[in-house]
Amino acid sequence: MKADKWKLTGVTTAGKGLLDRDVEFPKGPEDTISALRWSPAANHLAAASWDGRVYIYDATNSTSTDSIKGVAAIAIGAPVLDCDFSKDGTLALGAGADKKIHIMDLASATTTTLEGHDAPVRSARFVEVPSTNAPIVASGSWDKTVRYWDQRQQRPVGTLTVPERVYAMDADGPLLAIATADNHMQLVDLRANPLEVWRSLESPLKYQTTSASVCPGGTRWAIGGIDGRAAAQVSDEKDKSLDNLQFKCHRKPSPTKSNQTDVYHVNAVCFSPAHEDVLATAGGDGTFNVWDVRTRCRLRSFPPAGGPVTAIAFSRDGMSLAYAVGYDWAKGYLHNKEGGVRKIVVRVFGEGLK
């Protein structure tokens, strides 16, 4: 069966999920939210914003807006394009358009700045490199490099040169997946050699990649693109237990032109840390969906959120999904209207997803 002809079964909408609820976060970011990441060790959420900060929230008690607390902010002073937590949740980072990575120790509120890139840092992740005994950060930049950092040192401990600018990147377990501007994917096996591309392949999407995600354990990766499509692929081409697939997701009939479909950017894709088969996609159409990529079914479909959904992130137990609403720059800066909708919301799944 072709992926474009998936039969969407088991679909529920926002109003039908048993005990599902949305809770809006306190007012925080003053510009577009470019990335959301939950801590692997606590119910803390990081939000990277174009206003030059990474906001850290404690959502342990997320029953209401007042119960969610802001606990820290990393002030960078330039647009922040990505964020992440260390595996133990004690460190948070922001990847900046200032060409730097900023890392905060959340206990002491002290910040370390890592410099070495020659262009904005598009993405950064804490990664597991077995040959080291310290937390390592991998940063992907528009300078066509991925650099590895031990934060105890001011210079990178290793550099991987890739063919083009890094447009999206994610990691889990042994896999680092890098989407580059030449419409290729560069896969790195962190256990074997972090400084060498393990597999280089043409992107399954025809147009520009906007986002990437790696499933728990690194057996599969997914990407979203500007043409309203997403794709999920196996990491090891010898693995016959999983299928490669691509599908249309953020498209809808034009309200003004008959027989025409409006296509929206897939602004974010995100695997659930609790379910290697569960993938969420978010789009410029203001909606987000949750998919089962093994059975090729859409598990949940939600109504428009009031503006483009720019970022999404599953909580560590997979029972909550945070999403950010704001301007996604798809139409350029002239359409970025002052006073537009800008918010972070967490949806708690009362009946689970699987």
Protein backbone atom coordinates (compact mmCIF):
# COMPACT_ATOMS: atom_id res chain seq x y z
CA MET A 1 0.00 0.00 0.00
CA LYS A 2 1.36 3.41 -0.91
CA ALA A 3 1.88 5.72 2.07
CA ASP A 4 -0.19 8.47 0.42
CA LYS A 5 -3.20 6.14 0.50
CA TRP A 6 -3.12 5.29 4.16
CA LYS A 7 -6.48 4.37 5.57
CA LEU A 8 -6.80 6.57 8.64
CA THR A 9 -8.44 4.43 11.31
CA GLY A 10 -8.91 4.91 15.00
CA VAL A 11 -9.01 8.70 14.66
CA THR A 12 -10.27 10.75 17.58
CA THR A 13 -10.53 14.52 17.82
CA ALA A 14 -9.59 16.83 20.66
CA GLY A 15 -13.09 16.87 22.06
CA LYS A 16 -13.52 13.10 22.13
CA GLY A 17 -10.56 11.82 24.06
CA LEU A 18 -11.52 10.56 27.52
CA LEU A 19 -10.25 13.02 30.14
CA ASP A 20 -7.87 14.68 27.67
CA ARG A 21 -7.14 18.27 28.62
CA ASP A 22 -5.10 21.26 27.50
CA VAL A 23 -3.24 23.52 29.93
CA GLU A 24 -1.64 26.74 28.72
CA PHE A 25 1.75 27.71 30.12
CA PRO A 26 2.31 31.08 31.84
CA LYS A 27 3.20 33.97 29.55
CA GLY A 28 6.86 33.74 28.61
CA PRO A 29 8.48 33.89 25.15
CA GLU A 30 7.97 37.20 23.36
CA ASP A 31 8.65 35.86 19.87
CA THR A 32 8.34 32.64 17.85
CA ILE A 33 9.14 29.46 19.76
CA SER A 34 11.55 27.47 17.61
CA ALA A 35 11.91 24.31 19.73
CA LEU A 36 10.50 22.49 22.75
CA ARG A 37 12.25 19.72 24.73
CA TRP A 38 11.21 17.81 27.85
CA SER A 39 13.80 16.74 30.39
CA PRO A 40 14.46 12.96 30.41
CA ALA A 41 14.65 13.08 34.21
CA ALA A 42 11.81 15.38 35.34
CA ASN A 43 8.68 17.13 34.13
CA HIS A 44 10.65 20.18 33.08
CA LEU A 45 10.14 21.77 29.66
CA ALA A 46 12.62 23.95 27.75
CA ALA A 47 11.39 26.40 25.13
CA ALA A 48 13.81 28.08 22.71
CA SER A 49 12.63 31.40 21.34
CA TRP A 50 13.54 33.95 18.72
CA ASP A 51 13.45 36.53 21.52
CA GLY A 52 16.95 35.39 22.54
CA ARG A 53 16.13 33.17 25.52
CA VAL A 54 15.58 29.55 26.52
CA TYR A 55 12.76 29.32 29.06
CA ILE A 56 12.72 26.45 31.59
CA TYR A 57 9.39 25.48 33.17
CA ASP A 58 8.50 23.08 35.96
CA ALA A 59 5.31 21.33 34.81
CA THR A 60 5.30 18.64 37.50
CA ASN A 61 1.85 19.87 38.51
CA SER A 62 0.23 20.84 35.21
CA THR A 63 -3.38 21.01 36.31
CA SER A 64 -3.67 24.73 35.54
CA THR A 65 -1.66 27.66 34.19
CA ASP A 66 -0.95 28.87 37.73
CA SER A 67 0.49 25.49 38.72
CA ILE A 68 3.22 25.59 36.02
CA LYS A 69 6.23 27.56 37.19
CA GLY A 70 9.08 29.23 35.32
CA VAL A 71 12.30 28.14 37.04
CA ALA A 72 15.10 29.54 34.86
CA ALA A 73 15.96 31.32 31.63
CA ILE A 74 19.13 31.20 29.56
CA ALA A 75 19.67 34.69 28.16
CA ILE A 76 21.51 34.52 24.85
CA GLY A 77 20.71 37.83 23.17
CA ALA A 78 20.27 36.32 19.70
CA PRO A 79 17.54 34.07 18.25
CA VAL A 80 17.67 30.60 19.79
CA LEU A 81 17.08 27.85 17.22
CA ASP A 82 17.15 24.75 19.42
CA CYS A 83 17.33 23.50 23.01
CA ASP A 84 17.95 20.28 24.93
CA PHE A 85 18.47 18.72 28.38
CA SER A 86 21.27 16.45 29.52
CA LYS A 87 20.27 12.85 30.26
CA ASP A 88 20.20 13.47 34.03
CA GLY A 89 18.26 16.72 33.61
CA THR A 90 20.84 18.86 35.42
CA LEU A 91 21.95 20.82 32.33
CA ALA A 92 20.00 22.70 29.67
CA LEU A 93 21.36 24.21 26.47
CA GLY A 94 20.41 26.68 23.79
CA ALA A 95 21.74 26.72 20.22
CA GLY A 96 22.11 30.29 19.08
CA ALA A 97 22.14 32.35 15.92
CA ASP A 98 25.17 33.96 17.59
CA LYS A 99 27.18 30.85 16.49
CA LYS A 100 27.46 29.63 20.09
CA ILE A 101 26.09 26.93 22.39
CA HIS A 102 25.01 28.14 25.82
CA ILE A 103 24.78 25.54 28.63
CA MET A 104 23.20 26.25 32.02
CA ASP A 105 23.73 24.24 35.20
CA LEU A 106 20.19 24.38 36.57
CA ALA A 107 21.28 23.88 40.19
CA SER A 108 23.74 26.79 40.26
CA ALA A 109 22.24 28.86 37.41
CA THR A 110 25.74 29.30 35.98
CA THR A 111 26.13 29.35 32.20
CA THR A 112 28.99 28.07 30.06
CA THR A 113 29.40 29.32 26.49
CA LEU A 114 31.02 27.16 23.80
CA GLU A 115 32.43 28.93 20.74
CA GLY A 116 33.87 27.53 17.53
CA HIS A 117 31.25 27.59 14.78
CA ASP A 118 31.51 30.05 11.89
CA ALA A 119 27.75 30.35 11.33
CA PRO A 120 24.52 30.04 13.38
CA VAL A 121 24.02 26.79 15.26
CA ARG A 122 20.83 25.22 13.92
CA SER A 123 20.62 22.27 16.32
CA ALA A 124 22.33 20.83 19.38
CA ARG A 125 21.91 17.62 21.37
CA PHE A 126 23.44 15.94 24.39
CA VAL A 127 24.61 12.63 22.92
CA GLU A 128 25.89 9.31 24.20
CA VAL A 129 29.43 8.57 23.04
CA PRO A 130 30.65 5.34 24.74
CA SER A 131 34.32 6.20 24.29
CA THR A 132 34.02 9.21 26.63
CA ASN A 133 33.24 9.52 30.32
CA ALA A 134 31.64 12.96 30.17
CA PRO A 135 28.42 14.48 28.77
CA ILE A 136 29.07 15.32 25.12
CA VAL A 137 27.18 17.93 23.10
CA ALA A 138 26.83 17.60 19.33
CA SER A 139 26.07 20.87 17.51
CA GLY A 140 25.05 21.17 13.86
CA SER A 141 25.61 24.47 12.10
CA TRP A 142 25.09 26.30 8.86
CA ASP A 143 28.89 26.29 8.57
CA LYS A 144 28.55 22.68 7.29
CA THR A 145 29.99 21.05 10.38
CA VAL A 146 28.85 19.01 13.35
CA ARG A 147 31.10 19.69 16.31
CA TYR A 148 31.42 17.65 19.51
CA TRP A 149 32.02 19.34 22.84
CA ASP A 150 33.10 18.35 26.32
CA GLN A 151 31.87 21.36 28.25
CA ARG A 152 34.95 21.22 30.47
CA GLN A 153 36.91 22.43 27.44
CA GLN A 154 36.46 25.64 25.46
CA ARG A 155 37.24 24.12 22.08
CA PRO A 156 35.47 21.23 20.31
CA VAL A 157 36.91 17.77 20.92
CA GLY A 158 36.03 16.69 17.39
CA THR A 159 34.56 17.98 14.13
CA LEU A 160 32.58 16.20 11.43
CA THR A 161 32.33 18.03 8.10
CA VAL A 162 29.11 17.43 6.18
CA PRO A 163 28.39 18.30 2.52
CA GLU A 164 25.99 21.17 3.22
CA ARG A 165 24.40 23.31 5.94
CA VAL A 166 22.68 21.47 8.78
CA TYR A 167 18.93 22.12 8.57
CA ALA A 168 17.79 19.68 11.28
CA MET A 169 19.35 17.12 13.62
CA ASP A 170 18.39 14.70 16.37
CA ALA A 171 19.93 11.81 18.29
CA ASP A 172 18.92 8.86 20.43
CA GLY A 173 21.01 5.90 21.53
CA PRO A 174 23.75 5.25 18.96
CA LEU A 175 22.16 7.24 16.13
CA LEU A 176 22.78 10.86 15.17
CA ALA A 177 20.59 11.85 12.19
CA ILE A 178 21.56 14.99 10.27
CA ALA A 179 19.44 16.60 7.55
CA THR A 180 21.47 18.84 5.25
CA ALA A 181 20.60 21.56 2.75
CA ASP A 182 21.44 19.39 -0.27
CA ASN A 183 18.39 17.25 0.55
CA HIS A 184 20.46 14.43 1.98
CA MET A 185 20.53 12.61 5.30
CA GLN A 186 23.81 11.90 7.05
CA LEU A 187 23.60 9.12 9.64
CA VAL A 188 26.32 8.75 12.27
CA ASP A 189 26.86 5.70 14.48
CA LEU A 190 28.06 7.26 17.75
CA ARG A 191 29.25 3.89 19.05
CA ALA A 192 31.51 3.22 16.09
CA ASN A 193 32.92 6.59 15.01
CA PRO A 194 31.29 9.96 15.78
CA LEU A 195 33.63 11.65 13.30
CA GLU A 196 32.54 9.59 10.32
CA VAL A 197 29.30 9.38 8.36
CA TRP A 198 27.97 5.82 8.60
CA ARG A 199 25.28 6.19 5.92
CA SER A 200 24.68 9.03 3.47
CA LEU A 201 21.45 8.87 1.51
CA GLU A 202 19.15 11.08 -0.50
CA SER A 203 16.22 12.46 1.46
CA PRO A 204 12.92 10.63 0.92
CA LEU A 205 11.29 14.06 0.70
CA LYS A 206 11.58 16.05 -2.52
CA TYR A 207 11.73 19.50 -0.93
CA GLN A 208 13.52 21.21 1.95
CA THR A 209 13.66 19.44 5.31
CA THR A 210 12.41 21.43 8.29
CA SER A 211 12.76 19.02 11.22
CA ALA A 212 14.11 15.64 12.30
CA SER A 213 13.50 13.13 15.09
CA VAL A 214 15.07 9.82 16.13
CA CYS A 215 12.97 7.15 17.84
CA PRO A 216 13.96 5.56 21.18
CA GLY A 217 16.96 3.30 20.65
CA GLY A 218 17.77 4.83 17.27
CA THR A 219 16.24 2.14 15.04
CA ARG A 220 14.25 4.67 13.00
CA TRP A 221 14.38 8.37 12.11
CA ALA A 222 11.77 10.75 10.75
CA ILE A 223 11.78 14.11 8.97
CA GLY A 224 9.24 16.74 7.94
CA GLY A 225 9.37 19.07 4.95
CA ILE A 226 8.01 22.27 3.48
CA ASP A 227 5.65 20.39 1.14
CA GLY A 228 3.28 19.04 3.77
CA ARG A 229 4.91 15.61 3.90
CA ALA A 230 6.72 13.57 6.51
CA ALA A 231 8.77 10.39 6.23
CA ALA A 232 9.97 7.69 8.60
CA GLN A 233 12.88 5.43 7.65
CA VAL A 234 14.86 2.61 9.21
CA SER A 235 18.38 3.45 10.34
CA ASP A 236 19.93 0.19 9.15
CA GLU A 237 18.85 -0.77 5.63
CA LYS A 238 19.38 -4.43 6.57
CA ASP A 239 16.58 -4.23 9.15
CA LYS A 240 13.59 -5.85 7.42
CA SER A 241 11.36 -5.75 10.49
CA LEU A 242 10.36 -2.13 9.85
CA ASP A 243 9.03 -0.37 6.75
CA ASN A 244 10.16 2.87 5.17
CA LEU A 245 7.28 5.22 4.50
CA GLN A 246 6.31 8.76 3.60
CA PHE A 247 2.93 10.43 3.81
CA LYS A 248 0.99 13.65 3.31
CA CYS A 249 -0.05 15.24 6.58
CA HIS A 250 -0.53 19.03 6.72
CA ARG A 251 -2.69 19.83 3.73
CA LYS A 252 -6.30 20.86 3.31
CA PRO A 253 -8.68 21.88 0.53
CA SER A 254 -8.37 25.51 -0.52
CA PRO A 255 -11.27 27.63 0.80
CA THR A 256 -11.14 29.90 -2.27
CA LYS A 257 -10.18 27.67 -5.22
CA SER A 258 -12.00 24.50 -6.19
CA ASN A 259 -10.01 21.32 -6.78
CA GLN A 260 -6.93 22.86 -5.18
CA THR A 261 -5.13 21.82 -2.02
CA ASP A 262 -3.29 24.24 0.25
CA VAL A 263 0.05 22.83 1.41
CA TYR A 264 1.65 23.84 4.72
CA HIS A 265 5.11 23.37 6.19
CA VAL A 266 5.60 20.46 8.55
CA ASN A 267 7.29 22.56 11.23
CA ALA A 268 8.11 19.72 13.60
CA VAL A 269 8.20 15.94 13.92
CA CYS A 270 8.70 14.14 17.21
CA PHE A 271 8.84 10.49 18.27
CA SER A 272 7.44 9.60 21.68
CA PRO A 273 10.17 8.56 24.17
CA ALA A 274 7.78 5.90 25.45
CA HIS A 275 6.69 4.36 22.11
CA GLU A 276 9.12 3.88 19.23
CA ASP A 277 6.19 3.65 16.80
CA VAL A 278 4.40 6.87 17.85
CA LEU A 279 5.24 9.99 15.86
CA ALA A 280 3.69 13.46 16.12
CA THR A 281 3.72 16.04 13.34
CA ALA A 282 2.93 19.76 13.60
CA GLY A 283 2.21 22.16 10.76
CA GLY A 284 1.68 25.65 9.51
CA ASP A 285 -2.02 24.84 9.15
CA GLY A 286 -2.28 25.19 12.94
CA THR A 287 -2.84 21.50 13.63
CA PHE A 288 -0.89 18.58 15.02
CA ASN A 289 -1.46 14.86 14.58
CA VAL A 290 -0.22 11.68 16.25
CA TRP A 291 0.58 8.66 14.08
CA ASP A 292 1.42 4.99 14.54
CA VAL A 293 4.14 4.50 11.93
CA ARG A 294 4.14 0.71 12.24
CA THR A 295 0.42 0.20 11.55
CA ARG A 296 0.24 3.31 9.33
CA CYS A 297 -2.70 4.76 11.23
CA ARG A 298 -3.41 8.23 12.57
CA LEU A 299 -4.03 7.83 16.30
CA ARG A 300 -5.18 11.37 17.05
CA SER A 301 -6.19 14.41 15.01
CA PHE A 302 -6.68 17.82 16.63
CA PRO A 303 -8.50 20.99 15.52
CA PRO A 304 -6.62 24.21 14.64
CA ALA A 305 -4.78 25.76 17.58
CA GLY A 306 -5.24 29.42 16.58
CA GLY A 307 -2.05 29.80 14.54
CA PRO A 308 0.81 27.77 13.08
CA VAL A 309 2.18 25.10 15.42
CA THR A 310 5.92 25.76 15.41
CA ALA A 311 7.22 23.09 17.84
CA ILE A 312 6.11 19.93 19.63
CA ALA A 313 7.60 17.61 22.27
CA PHE A 314 6.39 14.47 24.03
CA SER A 315 6.93 14.16 27.77
CA ARG A 316 9.24 11.40 28.96
CA ASP A 317 6.32 9.02 29.68
CA GLY A 318 4.57 9.79 26.39
CA MET A 319 1.38 10.80 28.20
CA SER A 320 1.66 14.52 27.40
CA LEU A 321 2.48 16.53 24.30
CA ALA A 322 3.60 20.15 24.53
CA TYR A 323 3.00 22.34 21.50
CA ALA A 324 3.86 25.93 20.65
CA VAL A 325 1.70 28.29 18.60
CA GLY A 326 3.09 31.36 16.83
CA TYR A 327 4.27 32.76 13.53
CA ASP A 328 6.35 30.23 11.57
CA TRP A 329 7.96 32.64 9.07
CA ALA A 330 6.59 30.69 6.09
CA LYS A 331 5.48 33.94 4.44
CA GLY A 332 8.47 36.08 5.44
CA TYR A 333 8.88 38.85 7.99
CA LEU A 334 6.28 41.15 6.41
CA HIS A 335 3.50 38.85 7.59
CA ASN A 336 4.72 38.68 11.18
CA LYS A 337 1.98 40.76 12.76
CA GLU A 338 2.41 42.31 16.18
CA GLY A 339 -0.02 40.91 18.72
CA GLY A 340 -0.44 37.55 16.99
CA VAL A 341 -1.17 34.37 18.92
CA ARG A 342 1.88 33.09 20.81
CA LYS A 343 1.56 30.40 23.45
CA ILE A 344 2.81 27.08 24.82
CA VAL A 345 0.21 24.46 25.67
CA VAL A 346 0.49 20.94 27.09
CA ARG A 347 -2.09 18.32 26.11
CA VAL A 348 -2.42 15.52 28.63
CA PHE A 349 -3.71 12.25 27.13
CA GLY A 350 -6.13 10.86 29.65
CA GLU A 351 -6.51 7.47 27.96
CA GLY A 352 -3.03 7.10 26.51
CA LEU A 353 -2.01 6.63 22.88
CA LYS A 354 -1.18 2.94 22.55
